[in-house]
Protein backbone atom coordinates (compact mmCIF):
# COMPACT_ATOMS: atom_id res chain seq x y z
CA MET A 1 175.24 48.93 150.04
CA THR A 2 172.23 51.20 150.38
CA GLU A 3 170.01 51.51 147.31
CA GLN A 4 170.65 54.77 145.51
CA HIS A 5 168.05 56.78 143.66
CA LEU A 6 167.32 60.32 142.58
CA THR A 7 163.98 61.91 143.38
CA PRO A 8 162.96 65.19 141.74
CA TYR A 9 161.67 67.89 144.10
CA LEU A 10 159.41 70.25 142.13
CA CYS A 11 158.39 73.74 143.10
CA VAL A 12 155.06 75.06 141.80
CA ARG A 13 153.07 78.23 142.35
CA ASP A 14 150.02 76.28 143.60
CA SER A 15 150.62 72.78 144.98
CA ARG A 16 146.93 72.11 145.54
CA ALA A 17 146.14 72.81 141.87
CA ALA A 18 149.21 70.83 140.79
CA ILE A 19 148.13 67.79 142.81
CA GLU A 20 144.75 67.87 141.08
CA TRP A 21 146.32 68.31 137.64
CA TYR A 22 148.88 65.51 138.08
CA ALA A 23 146.13 63.20 139.37
CA GLU A 24 143.95 63.94 136.34
CA ALA A 25 146.59 64.05 133.62
CA LEU A 26 149.15 61.51 134.84
CA ARG A 27 146.92 59.42 137.15
CA ALA A 28 149.30 60.35 139.97
CA ARG A 29 148.43 59.51 143.54
CA VAL A 30 149.45 61.34 146.70
CA VAL A 31 151.79 59.11 148.73
CA VAL A 32 152.71 61.70 151.38
CA GLU A 33 149.86 64.07 152.24
CA PRO A 34 150.59 67.79 151.98
CA ILE A 35 152.28 69.35 154.98
CA VAL A 36 150.66 72.76 155.24
CA MET A 37 152.67 75.56 156.79
CA ASP A 38 151.21 78.16 159.17
CA ASP A 39 150.84 80.61 156.27
CA GLY A 40 148.79 78.09 154.24
CA ARG A 41 151.52 77.16 151.75
CA VAL A 42 152.29 73.51 151.08
CA GLY A 43 155.75 72.88 152.47
CA HIS A 44 156.01 69.30 151.25
CA CYS A 45 154.05 66.50 149.62
CA GLU A 46 154.90 63.46 147.55
CA LEU A 47 153.23 62.01 144.47
CA ALA A 48 153.71 58.83 142.47
CA VAL A 49 152.84 57.23 139.17
CA GLY A 50 153.50 53.53 139.59
CA ASP A 51 156.94 53.28 141.18
CA ALA A 52 158.01 56.75 139.96
CA ARG A 53 157.89 59.32 142.76
CA TRP A 54 158.51 63.01 143.13
CA MET A 55 158.32 65.57 145.91
CA MET A 56 156.70 68.96 145.59
CA SER A 57 156.18 72.23 147.44
CA ASP A 58 154.83 75.69 146.93
CA GLU A 59 157.18 78.59 146.29
CA PHE A 60 159.31 79.75 149.23
CA GLU A 61 161.16 82.79 147.92
CA GLU A 62 162.72 83.41 151.31
CA ALA A 63 164.41 79.99 151.10
CA GLY A 64 165.40 80.33 147.43
CA VAL A 65 162.76 77.84 146.25
CA ALA A 66 161.01 79.05 143.10
CA PRO A 67 158.97 77.54 140.28
CA PRO A 68 160.12 77.70 136.66
CA ALA A 69 160.00 81.21 135.19
CA PRO A 70 157.12 81.39 132.68
CA ASP A 71 159.22 83.42 130.24
CA ARG A 72 161.98 80.78 130.02
CA GLY A 73 162.19 77.18 128.97
CA ALA A 74 162.34 74.38 131.51
CA CYS A 75 165.82 73.81 132.97
CA ALA A 76 165.26 70.04 133.32
CA THR A 77 163.09 67.36 131.77
CA LEU A 78 161.32 64.72 133.82
CA HIS A 79 161.44 61.32 132.09
CA LEU A 80 158.41 59.17 132.96
CA ALA A 81 158.22 55.60 131.69
CA VAL A 82 154.61 54.53 131.19
CA ALA A 83 152.89 51.47 129.80
CA ASP A 84 150.87 53.39 127.19
CA VAL A 85 152.20 56.75 125.96
CA ASP A 86 149.12 57.40 123.83
CA GLU A 87 146.75 56.91 126.78
CA VAL A 88 148.69 59.29 129.02
CA ALA A 89 149.15 61.82 126.18
CA THR A 90 145.39 61.78 125.58
CA ALA A 91 144.77 62.50 129.28
CA VAL A 92 147.29 65.37 129.21
CA VAL A 93 145.68 66.92 126.13
CA ALA A 94 142.22 66.52 127.71
CA THR A 95 143.35 68.98 130.43
CA GLY A 96 143.99 71.60 127.74
CA THR A 97 147.76 71.08 127.82
CA PRO A 98 149.27 70.76 124.34
CA LEU A 99 151.95 68.26 123.47
CA THR A 100 155.21 69.66 122.10
CA ARG A 101 156.10 66.31 120.51
CA GLY A 102 154.32 63.07 119.63
CA PRO A 103 153.03 60.71 120.48
CA GLU A 104 155.39 59.08 118.03
CA ASP A 105 157.64 56.09 117.57
CA ALA A 106 161.30 56.94 118.18
CA GLY A 107 163.14 53.84 117.05
CA GLU A 108 165.03 52.04 119.80
CA VAL A 109 163.83 54.59 122.36
CA GLY A 110 160.23 53.39 121.94
CA ARG A 111 157.06 55.45 121.87
CA VAL A 112 157.42 59.03 123.14
CA ALA A 113 155.50 62.23 123.80
CA VAL A 114 156.63 65.52 125.36
CA PHE A 115 154.69 68.32 127.05
CA VAL A 116 155.19 71.21 129.46
CA ASP A 117 152.72 71.05 132.33
CA PRO A 118 150.76 74.13 133.46
CA PHE A 119 153.34 74.66 136.22
CA GLY A 120 156.30 75.01 133.84
CA HIS A 121 157.82 71.54 134.16
CA ARG A 122 158.78 69.62 130.98
CA TRP A 123 157.84 65.91 130.85
CA PHE A 124 159.09 63.22 128.48
CA LEU A 125 156.70 60.25 128.36
CA ASN A 126 158.23 57.01 127.17
CA ALA A 127 157.06 53.45 126.61
CA PRO A 128 160.37 51.68 125.94
CA ALA A 129 160.58 49.51 122.83
């Protein structure tokens, strides 16, 4: 049987800025270089933190691909398991992004922190107990 997995595909208003932010705040690395469309928009790229990967593109309204609306809450939360929640939370805050929760111990769940990145995506950091 083929391995099954789910990979988030994020849409942001500015992929180039998002790549820089994710690299700084989450220590993400680019694993598939941006594919730049004729109009200059990023049509696809892939990032990773450890073994966790996600895909990303700029907005393509004509294809129904849009970033989160700034006047609404996030419609999904990205759960990212990390070795040290406090270290990653400190890096997130250093970018000027506030945490909405934690870092804190959450019983059997482990250590957690939550934030909404500058591109409207909600992240749940977790170091399992």
